[in-house]
């Protein structure tokens, strides 16, 4: 069974940092583009950041550029999202998702590709 499990969410004050992890089981991540998404109630899903299967190509939403960094360790079947300088508007449930190659990080993060596998989500709350 293909499964993604996120962890690392929590409560943080503005300006703080968190690191999310997305661990795959039942399949090998090295043939998948992986993305982090967030969605507020009643709003469109936003592709936050995506990373290619090899890790040499990344995509960031304008809202997180310069603050978030995506990385992956295929040996550990894990993708990370380092979130720095967090803002209240970053408060969301964050989901990781997988799309089997070939696809591009831009296609995945701009919702042109529907991921086949999703995690259950992890809540990030940024509060004063």
Foldseek 3Di string as FASTA:
>chain_A
DWAKAKDWADEAAAQAKIKMKIAIPPDQQLQKKKWKWWDDPPDDIATAKIAHSVRPDMDGDPVQPPFWDWGDDRVRRMIMIIGGRDDQVVWTWMKMFIDGDDDDRVCVRVVVDDGPYMHPTHTHGYDD
